[in-house]
Structures are given as C-alpha cells and as structure tokens.
Protein backbone atom coordinates (compact mmCIF):
# COMPACT_ATOMS: atom_id res chain seq x y z
CA MET A 1 -32.41 -5.82 -98.43
CA ILE A 2 -35.52 -7.76 -99.46
CA TYR A 3 -37.67 -5.18 -101.19
CA PHE A 4 -41.47 -5.54 -101.07
CA ASP A 5 -42.48 -1.93 -101.74
CA ASN A 6 -42.95 -2.12 -105.50
CA ALA A 7 -46.39 -0.50 -105.35
CA ALA A 8 -44.58 2.68 -104.30
CA THR A 9 -41.63 2.36 -106.69
CA THR A 10 -40.28 -0.69 -108.47
CA TYR A 11 -36.79 -1.57 -107.28
CA PRO A 12 -34.38 -2.63 -108.58
CA LYS A 13 -34.72 -1.53 -112.20
CA PRO A 14 -33.47 -3.51 -115.18
CA GLU A 15 -29.79 -2.79 -115.79
CA SER A 16 -30.69 -1.35 -119.19
CA VAL A 17 -32.67 1.43 -117.48
CA TYR A 18 -29.65 2.60 -115.47
CA GLN A 19 -27.54 2.49 -118.61
CA ALA A 20 -30.08 4.45 -120.66
CA VAL A 21 -30.29 7.25 -118.10
CA ASN A 22 -26.52 7.45 -117.81
CA ARG A 23 -26.03 7.40 -121.59
CA CYS A 24 -28.56 10.19 -122.04
CA MET A 25 -26.94 12.37 -119.38
CA ARG A 26 -23.46 11.85 -120.81
CA ASP A 27 -23.98 11.63 -124.57
CA TYR A 28 -26.97 13.65 -125.78
CA CYS A 29 -28.86 15.36 -122.95
CA ALA A 30 -29.60 18.59 -124.80
CA ASN A 31 -33.04 20.21 -125.01
CA PRO A 32 -35.30 18.15 -127.32
CA GLY A 33 -37.27 20.03 -129.93
CA ARG A 34 -35.65 23.38 -129.16
CA SER A 35 -32.65 23.35 -131.50
CA GLY A 36 -31.48 21.85 -134.77
CA HIS A 37 -28.08 20.59 -133.68
CA LYS A 38 -27.22 16.90 -133.38
CA LEU A 39 -27.60 16.60 -129.61
CA SER A 40 -31.02 18.23 -129.57
CA MET A 41 -32.16 16.09 -132.48
CA GLU A 42 -31.01 12.90 -130.73
CA ALA A 43 -32.81 13.91 -127.55
CA GLY A 44 -35.94 14.58 -129.59
CA ARG A 45 -35.69 11.17 -131.24
CA ARG A 46 -35.49 9.49 -127.85
CA VAL A 47 -38.61 11.29 -126.63
CA LEU A 48 -40.48 10.32 -129.79
CA GLU A 49 -39.33 6.72 -129.53
CA THR A 50 -40.65 6.48 -125.97
CA ARG A 51 -43.96 8.03 -126.99
CA GLU A 52 -44.29 5.45 -129.75
CA LEU A 53 -43.41 2.60 -127.39
CA LEU A 54 -46.13 3.72 -125.00
CA ALA A 55 -48.67 4.08 -127.80
CA GLU A 56 -47.90 0.51 -128.90
CA LEU A 57 -48.08 -0.77 -125.32
CA PHE A 58 -51.51 0.79 -124.73
CA GLY A 59 -52.92 0.14 -128.21
CA ALA A 60 -53.18 3.84 -129.08
CA LYS A 61 -53.41 4.56 -132.81
CA LYS A 62 -51.44 7.81 -132.67
CA SER A 63 -48.36 8.45 -130.56
CA GLU A 64 -49.20 12.15 -130.24
CA ASN A 65 -52.09 11.12 -127.98
CA ILE A 66 -49.50 10.06 -125.39
CA ILE A 67 -48.66 13.04 -123.17
CA PHE A 68 -45.68 13.18 -120.81
CA THR A 69 -46.10 14.63 -117.32
CA LEU A 70 -44.11 14.72 -114.08
CA ASN A 71 -45.82 11.61 -112.68
CA ALA A 72 -49.25 10.01 -112.37
CA THR A 73 -50.42 12.66 -109.89
CA ASP A 74 -49.61 15.41 -112.37
CA ALA A 75 -51.41 13.46 -115.09
CA LEU A 76 -54.49 12.94 -112.91
CA ASN A 77 -54.66 16.62 -112.00
CA THR A 78 -54.51 17.56 -115.67
CA ALA A 79 -57.13 14.96 -116.60
CA ILE A 80 -59.59 15.75 -113.82
CA LYS A 81 -59.32 19.52 -113.78
CA GLY A 82 -59.12 19.72 -117.54
CA VAL A 83 -62.54 18.22 -118.30
CA VAL A 84 -64.94 19.60 -115.70
CA LYS A 85 -66.50 22.96 -114.98
CA GLU A 86 -68.67 24.44 -112.25
CA GLY A 87 -71.92 22.51 -111.88
CA ASP A 88 -70.53 19.24 -113.23
CA HIS A 89 -70.77 15.96 -111.30
CA ILE A 90 -67.96 13.40 -110.95
CA ILE A 91 -68.32 9.80 -109.76
CA THR A 92 -65.45 7.89 -108.16
CA THR A 93 -64.90 5.14 -105.59
CA SER A 94 -63.74 4.82 -102.00
CA MET A 95 -60.68 2.83 -103.12
CA GLU A 96 -58.95 5.75 -104.82
CA HIS A 97 -55.56 7.24 -104.04
CA ASN A 98 -55.32 10.81 -102.77
CA SER A 99 -54.04 11.81 -106.21
CA VAL A 100 -57.67 11.45 -107.26
CA LEU A 101 -59.49 12.37 -104.06
CA ARG A 102 -57.60 15.58 -103.25
CA PRO A 103 -58.13 17.17 -106.68
CA LEU A 104 -61.82 16.28 -106.38
CA LYS A 105 -62.07 17.89 -102.96
CA GLN A 106 -60.40 21.00 -104.32
CA LEU A 107 -62.88 21.10 -107.20
CA GLU A 108 -65.78 20.93 -104.73
CA ASN A 109 -64.68 24.39 -103.55
CA LEU A 110 -65.16 25.57 -107.13
CA GLY A 111 -68.69 24.25 -107.49
CA VAL A 112 -68.05 20.73 -108.83
CA GLU A 113 -70.14 17.97 -107.25
CA THR A 114 -68.64 14.57 -106.40
CA THR A 115 -70.04 11.17 -105.45
CA ILE A 116 -67.70 8.66 -103.81
CA ILE A 117 -69.20 5.18 -104.08
CA LYS A 118 -68.34 3.06 -101.07
CA CYS A 119 -66.99 -0.34 -102.08
CA ASN A 120 -67.51 -3.48 -100.00
CA MET A 121 -65.14 -4.75 -97.31
CA LEU A 122 -63.01 -6.44 -99.95
CA GLY A 123 -62.70 -3.19 -101.86
CA GLU A 124 -64.94 -4.38 -104.70
CA LEU A 125 -67.22 -2.00 -106.61
CA ASN A 126 -70.91 -2.76 -107.09
CA LEU A 127 -71.77 -1.72 -110.65
CA ILE A 128 -75.40 -1.17 -109.66
CA ASP A 129 -74.24 1.49 -107.21
CA LEU A 130 -72.38 3.10 -110.07
CA GLN A 131 -75.41 3.07 -112.33
CA THR A 132 -77.69 4.59 -109.72
CA SER A 133 -75.16 7.37 -108.95
CA ILE A 134 -75.40 8.84 -112.45
CA LYS A 135 -77.27 12.15 -112.58
CA GLU A 136 -78.24 14.63 -115.27
CA ASN A 137 -75.13 16.71 -114.60
CA THR A 138 -72.71 13.78 -114.36
CA ARG A 139 -69.70 14.45 -116.56
CA VAL A 140 -66.98 12.00 -115.53
CA ILE A 141 -66.39 8.60 -113.97
CA ILE A 142 -62.90 8.05 -112.60
CA THR A 143 -61.55 4.87 -111.04
CA THR A 144 -58.29 3.18 -110.32
CA HIS A 145 -57.52 0.02 -112.27
CA ALA A 146 -56.07 -1.65 -109.17
CA SER A 147 -56.06 -0.40 -105.59
CA ASN A 148 -52.68 0.51 -104.16
CA VAL A 149 -53.90 -0.77 -100.76
CA THR A 150 -55.37 -4.20 -101.49
CA GLY A 151 -54.63 -4.63 -105.18
CA VAL A 152 -58.34 -5.20 -105.88
CA LEU A 153 -58.97 -4.96 -109.63
CA MET A 154 -61.80 -2.76 -110.84
CA PRO A 155 -64.01 -4.00 -113.71
CA ILE A 156 -62.74 -1.31 -116.07
CA LYS A 157 -64.30 -2.75 -119.21
CA GLU A 158 -67.77 -2.88 -117.66
CA ILE A 159 -67.35 0.61 -116.20
CA GLY A 160 -66.30 1.86 -119.61
CA GLU A 161 -69.46 0.42 -121.15
CA ILE A 162 -71.60 2.18 -118.54
CA ALA A 163 -69.79 5.43 -119.30
CA LYS A 164 -70.31 4.96 -123.03
CA GLN A 165 -74.00 4.19 -122.68
CA ASN A 166 -74.49 7.36 -120.63
CA LYS A 167 -72.20 9.53 -122.79
CA LEU A 168 -69.79 10.13 -119.90
CA LEU A 169 -66.04 10.51 -119.88
CA TYR A 170 -64.10 7.69 -118.21
CA ILE A 171 -60.67 8.28 -116.63
CA ILE A 172 -58.58 5.31 -115.47
CA ASP A 173 -55.66 5.52 -113.05
CA SER A 174 -53.32 2.70 -114.12
CA ALA A 175 -50.48 3.47 -111.71
CA GLN A 176 -50.56 -0.06 -110.28
CA THR A 177 -51.15 -1.98 -113.52
CA ALA A 178 -49.39 -0.35 -116.48
CA GLY A 179 -46.59 -2.65 -117.57
CA THR A 180 -47.94 -5.66 -115.69
CA TYR A 181 -51.46 -6.00 -117.12
CA LYS A 182 -52.41 -5.73 -120.77
CA ILE A 183 -54.29 -2.49 -121.32
CA ASP A 184 -55.68 -1.87 -124.80
CA VAL A 185 -57.41 1.49 -125.08
CA SER A 186 -59.04 0.37 -128.33
CA ASP A 187 -60.69 -2.52 -126.48
CA ILE A 188 -62.06 -0.56 -123.52
CA ASN A 189 -64.04 2.64 -123.53
CA VAL A 190 -61.49 4.88 -121.82
CA ASP A 191 -61.14 8.57 -122.59
CA ILE A 192 -58.05 9.27 -120.49
CA LEU A 193 -55.61 6.69 -119.13
CA THR A 194 -53.03 7.99 -116.68
CA PHE A 195 -49.80 6.15 -115.87
CA THR A 196 -46.53 6.53 -114.02
CA GLY A 197 -43.12 5.47 -115.25
CA HIS A 198 -41.47 4.27 -112.06
CA LYS A 199 -43.68 1.32 -111.08
CA GLY A 200 -44.71 -1.48 -113.43
CA LEU A 201 -43.16 0.28 -116.41
CA MET A 202 -39.80 -0.08 -114.61
CA GLY A 203 -38.52 3.38 -115.50
CA PRO A 204 -37.06 6.13 -113.29
CA GLN A 205 -38.99 8.42 -110.98
CA GLY A 206 -40.01 11.83 -112.28
CA VAL A 207 -41.82 10.84 -115.47
CA GLY A 208 -45.42 9.78 -116.10
CA GLY A 209 -48.17 10.72 -118.45
CA PHE A 210 -51.56 10.02 -119.92
CA TYR A 211 -53.26 8.78 -123.06
CA VAL A 212 -56.08 11.03 -124.29
CA LYS A 213 -58.64 9.69 -126.74
CA GLU A 214 -58.98 11.40 -130.09
CA GLY A 215 -61.60 14.15 -129.84
CA VAL A 216 -61.41 14.55 -126.05
CA ASN A 217 -60.50 18.14 -125.31
CA LEU A 218 -58.77 19.08 -122.06
CA ARG A 219 -57.94 22.51 -120.76
CA GLN A 220 -54.19 22.64 -120.28
CA LEU A 221 -53.06 23.49 -116.75
CA ARG A 222 -49.91 25.30 -117.80
CA GLU A 223 -48.62 27.25 -120.74
CA GLY A 224 -45.10 27.98 -121.91
CA GLY A 225 -42.37 27.03 -124.30
CA THR A 226 -43.00 24.00 -126.48
CA GLY A 227 -40.42 24.47 -129.23
CA SER A 228 -43.30 24.82 -131.69
CA MET A 229 -45.18 27.90 -132.99
CA SER A 230 -42.83 30.17 -131.07
CA GLU A 231 -44.15 33.17 -133.02
CA SER A 232 -47.52 32.85 -131.24
CA LEU A 233 -48.22 34.04 -127.71
CA MET A 234 -50.99 31.45 -127.46
CA GLN A 235 -50.46 27.84 -126.44
CA PRO A 236 -50.43 25.49 -129.47
CA GLU A 237 -53.56 23.38 -129.88
CA MET A 238 -51.79 20.44 -131.51
CA LEU A 239 -50.89 17.35 -129.53
CA PRO A 240 -48.76 16.63 -127.61
CA ASP A 241 -47.51 20.24 -127.44
CA LYS A 242 -50.75 21.56 -125.96
CA TYR A 243 -50.06 19.77 -122.67
CA GLU A 244 -46.26 19.63 -122.66
CA SER A 245 -44.76 23.01 -121.76
CA GLY A 246 -41.18 23.39 -120.66
CA THR A 247 -38.14 21.17 -120.86
CA PRO A 248 -39.08 17.50 -120.46
CA ASN A 249 -37.30 15.01 -118.24
CA THR A 250 -35.27 13.58 -121.12
CA PRO A 251 -33.11 11.24 -118.97
CA GLY A 252 -36.24 9.92 -117.27
CA ILE A 253 -37.98 9.43 -120.61
CA ALA A 254 -34.92 7.62 -122.00
CA GLY A 255 -34.93 5.34 -118.96
CA LEU A 256 -38.65 4.74 -119.40
CA ALA A 257 -38.02 3.61 -122.98
CA ALA A 258 -35.51 1.07 -121.69
CA GLY A 259 -38.03 -0.15 -119.11
CA ILE A 260 -40.70 -0.68 -121.77
CA LYS A 261 -38.24 -2.48 -124.03
CA PHE A 262 -37.40 -4.79 -121.13
CA ILE A 263 -41.11 -5.54 -120.64
CA LYS A 264 -41.50 -6.29 -124.35
CA GLU A 265 -38.48 -8.58 -124.28
CA ILE A 266 -39.67 -10.56 -121.24
CA GLY A 267 -43.37 -10.36 -122.07
CA ILE A 268 -46.19 -8.92 -119.95
CA ASP A 269 -47.77 -12.35 -119.51
CA LYS A 270 -44.54 -13.78 -118.10
CA ILE A 271 -44.06 -10.81 -115.77
CA ARG A 272 -47.62 -10.98 -114.49
CA GLY A 273 -47.45 -14.77 -114.24
CA HIS A 274 -44.42 -14.65 -111.94
CA GLU A 275 -45.96 -11.93 -109.78
CA GLU A 276 -49.24 -13.84 -109.53
CA GLU A 277 -47.50 -17.07 -108.55
CA ILE A 278 -45.44 -15.59 -105.73
CA THR A 279 -48.37 -13.49 -104.50
CA SER A 280 -50.72 -16.48 -104.49
CA TYR A 281 -48.17 -18.53 -102.56
CA PHE A 282 -47.62 -15.71 -100.07
CA LEU A 283 -51.37 -15.32 -99.53
CA LYS A 284 -51.86 -19.03 -98.92
CA GLN A 285 -48.99 -19.32 -96.45
CA VAL A 286 -49.74 -16.14 -94.54
CA SER A 287 -53.46 -16.91 -94.26
CA GLU A 288 -52.51 -19.95 -92.16
CA ILE A 289 -50.63 -17.88 -89.56
CA ASP A 290 -52.63 -17.24 -86.39
CA ASP A 291 -53.53 -13.63 -85.59
CA ILE A 292 -52.82 -12.27 -89.08
CA ILE A 293 -55.60 -10.33 -90.78
CA ILE A 294 -55.44 -10.10 -94.57
CA TYR A 295 -57.41 -7.39 -96.34
CA GLY A 296 -58.88 -7.50 -99.82
CA PRO A 297 -60.04 -10.35 -102.07
CA ASN A 298 -57.31 -12.85 -101.05
CA ASP A 299 -57.57 -14.10 -104.65
CA ILE A 300 -54.81 -13.39 -107.15
CA LYS A 301 -57.26 -13.37 -110.06
CA LYS A 302 -59.09 -10.50 -108.41
CA GLN A 303 -56.12 -8.46 -107.27
CA ALA A 304 -52.77 -7.12 -108.37
CA PRO A 305 -49.63 -8.36 -106.51
CA VAL A 306 -50.40 -6.22 -103.46
CA VAL A 307 -51.20 -7.67 -100.03
CA SER A 308 -52.07 -5.59 -96.97
CA LEU A 309 -52.22 -7.22 -93.55
CA ASN A 310 -52.05 -6.66 -89.82
CA ILE A 311 -50.94 -8.76 -86.88
CA LYS A 312 -53.65 -8.62 -84.22
CA ASN A 313 -53.88 -5.06 -82.91
CA ARG A 314 -50.19 -4.26 -83.38
CA ALA A 315 -49.47 -0.89 -84.94
CA SER A 316 -48.67 -1.37 -88.60
CA SER A 317 -45.69 0.96 -88.24
CA GLU A 318 -44.26 -1.25 -85.46
CA VAL A 319 -44.57 -4.43 -87.53
CA SER A 320 -43.03 -2.77 -90.57
CA PHE A 321 -40.17 -1.47 -88.41
CA LEU A 322 -39.45 -4.97 -87.11
CA LEU A 323 -39.47 -6.40 -90.62
CA ASP A 324 -36.99 -3.74 -91.68
CA ASN A 325 -34.80 -3.63 -88.58
CA GLN A 326 -34.56 -7.32 -87.73
CA TYR A 327 -35.19 -9.07 -91.04
CA ASP A 328 -34.02 -6.51 -93.61
CA ILE A 329 -37.42 -6.62 -95.33
CA ALA A 330 -38.84 -3.41 -96.79
CA THR A 331 -42.63 -2.94 -96.61
CA ARG A 332 -44.86 0.10 -96.28
CA PRO A 333 -47.10 0.67 -93.23
CA GLY A 334 -49.84 3.21 -92.62
CA LEU A 335 -52.62 4.53 -94.80
CA HIS A 336 -50.76 4.52 -98.15
CA CYS A 337 -52.16 7.92 -99.22
CA ALA A 338 -55.60 6.28 -99.48
CA PRO A 339 -57.50 6.92 -96.23
CA LEU A 340 -60.94 6.14 -97.63
CA ALA A 341 -59.71 2.77 -98.89
CA HIS A 342 -58.59 1.89 -95.38
CA GLN A 343 -61.91 3.03 -93.94
CA THR A 344 -63.63 0.82 -96.52
CA ILE A 345 -61.71 -2.34 -95.58
CA GLY A 346 -61.81 -1.65 -91.83
CA SER A 347 -58.21 -0.59 -91.17
CA GLY A 348 -58.76 3.14 -90.90
CA GLN A 349 -57.36 3.42 -87.38
CA GLN A 350 -54.58 0.85 -87.55
CA GLY A 351 -53.45 1.25 -91.13
CA ALA A 352 -51.84 -1.87 -92.57
CA VAL A 353 -48.51 -3.39 -93.54
CA ARG A 354 -48.35 -3.56 -97.31
CA PHE A 355 -46.35 -6.16 -99.20
CA SER A 356 -46.15 -5.35 -102.91
CA PHE A 357 -44.29 -7.75 -105.14
CA GLY A 358 -42.44 -7.29 -108.41
CA TYR A 359 -40.84 -9.26 -111.19
CA PHE A 360 -37.43 -9.30 -109.51
CA ASN A 361 -38.68 -10.78 -106.23
CA THR A 362 -37.69 -14.42 -105.68
CA TRP A 363 -39.30 -17.44 -104.05
CA ASP A 364 -36.56 -17.43 -101.42
CA GLU A 365 -37.45 -13.85 -100.47
CA ILE A 366 -41.12 -14.80 -100.12
CA ASP A 367 -40.21 -17.69 -97.83
CA LYS A 368 -38.08 -15.41 -95.66
CA ALA A 369 -40.98 -12.97 -95.34
CA ILE A 370 -43.31 -15.78 -94.26
CA ILE A 371 -40.83 -16.94 -91.62
CA ALA A 372 -40.46 -13.37 -90.35
CA LEU A 373 -44.22 -12.90 -90.08
CA LYS A 374 -44.59 -16.18 -88.20
CA SER A 375 -41.96 -15.04 -85.72
CA ILE A 376 -43.48 -11.60 -85.24
CA ALA A 377 -46.99 -13.07 -84.88
CA LYS A 378 -45.70 -15.30 -82.07
CA GLU A 379 -44.38 -12.10 -80.44
CA GLU A 380 -40.85 -13.46 -80.51
CA CYS A 381 -39.65 -10.03 -81.57
CA PHE A 382 -41.60 -7.96 -79.05
C-alpha cells in the first residue's frame, strides 16, 4: 500500500514508537502518579519525560504548561470552552476543521458570538479582514496553523501580533504542523497551542494536548482523580493537574516520546525539506495533467505537504476508490471534516481527493501516483 493520508494519521510510525508502546505495556504500565511502587514511578517518569520533550520542542519555559488530552479535538474543546463566557465574541476563519467550528456553534447556543472570516479561493486569510472583525466584546482569535484541506499556512506570527495589540487571546491549532514546522511559543504571541500526537509528531493515536501560556486561566472541563491533593474535594489549581483528571494514556504518551526523539534525531528541517521536495514535485507534475483541478496555493512555501484535487466533475469518492482499488494508493476523499473550507475553495459539492505526504513517502511512490492520476484522467479506468 502506498499511503498518502498522513494528514489524517501518519503511517507508518518509526520502529522506535512501536517498541516504546510495547515496552510500556509489558514492562511498566502501572498508573503514573497514583502509587509509590517501582512500576508506578517508572510510568510517571515516562509521562514527565514526554512533557519535557514537548516543552523543549515548542520552546515552552515550563513543562507543567504542557497538558495531555485525548487528542487535538479534546484539547481544542478545553481551550475554546475554557476561556469564553456568555456575551464574548470569538473570531476564526473559514478554513478551520470541525474540531473548531462545532464547539463554536455549540457556544452560540449559550450566548457566545462568533465571526467566521471568509478566506480567498486559495484559502488565504486577509489580515485586514481580521482587524476589522475585532469588536469591543472580542475575547479570542482562533486559527489553524495549516489547513487540513489545502495545507495553506496561516500567518500565525502576524495574527499573534494583532491579538497582542488588541489584548486578545490567540489559540492555534497545530494539528497539521507540529513536528514538521518549527513552532516556538516564545517567538509568537500564542496563548494556547493545541496539538495531536499521531500526525507530524509520529506518535500513536489517542494522545494529544495543548500548551497554555503562563497566566492564562482556563476553566477545566472535567474533574476527578489526579493523584495529587487527594484530601481535597476540589480540583487542584496547579498545572498540569488542573486539566488532567483520570488515568492518562501512558502507552500512547510513551510512544509519543519515541516519536519526538525520532524527530530530534532526524531534524525538523530535514523532515520538512523532504516533504516539501516531494510535494513540490507532485504539484508540478500533476498541474500538467489535463482535466485536473488543484486547490490551494500550489506553492510549497505557502502550504504544508497537503494537496487536494479533482478530476473534472468526477466524484472525489470515485477517484479515491480507483486509486485504492486499482493502484493500491491510499488517499482521502470528501469534505475532510472541514465543510466551510471546501465552500471557500469551491469544492463544496464535489469534495476533493486529498494527497497528504509524510517523511516516509518515497520519490518512487510519488511517481506511481502521478502515473495513476494520468491514467484516471484519461478515463482509462472508467
């Protein structure tokens, strides 16, 4: 199988990730922070190590400001719902994933106002539109770092400056960029950075989290056992315990640590460089095929390694099925849990076939995909 669905989940993982999960399950998978015996202590050390690795990766000064969650969606729900109240106003963009848009729609029922800025046909945000959307009751700006549909990169540093100048909170969804792009929270004005472990960070599914800036106070969405201050019936205020109730996904966290170590060993620049090279080549070759429509910037310096396309008016699900069934190539068709993004780029009815590339994809695989698309575009498979 040629796998081009890395924007959904990176596959395969580094061998060290599989080994770390297995070793945790077999050798020390007790409950971290809940007991004083050797297995619990080892599990706790692994959780702390991963927290420290993430803090280093994101440039956070304190590891306790890294909070573990189930995934990026869980992190975004905590971030969004934890900072607003009735009467507040939130600004976002039309290129967001439903993990942002659905919580916002739910909050509208509770008296929170939202503005969704429509991006241009390439998915790019006009910063003037952002500036003019700010109101007296605006509380938060939230944007993706890179679209999961077109890969278009948002100008997060400039958005952060606008947020800072207007004393607003800025939340960034880095699901498509963490582990592939350098993100330094000390260099950009971000209050909350959410991430997932199973994409660019190369860890297992079932673990994600967020960085919260010192002094930013969120309402926790759940309360329960933390292994700390057990004598109190109230949730601890200290980080990370305030937001981490219940038994964590220790095997997933151990695997995430292995993924981050792999990234450090290879180097983010080398990983991104390879992904940019194969994506740029793919874009160039595919753009020369008759009847193929490419969405987004079509410029690797303006987008992550994500390419969405269609072949004439063919259903995206049909094209993706042919790629899978006849060429053993995995892609993702449809609306990619981002319907407004597809409306923005003009594929709201048809959806699109998404190719999303990763570090383990090869030049030979890219060439095979190009050959397959040429064949399908000529209707040789229909």
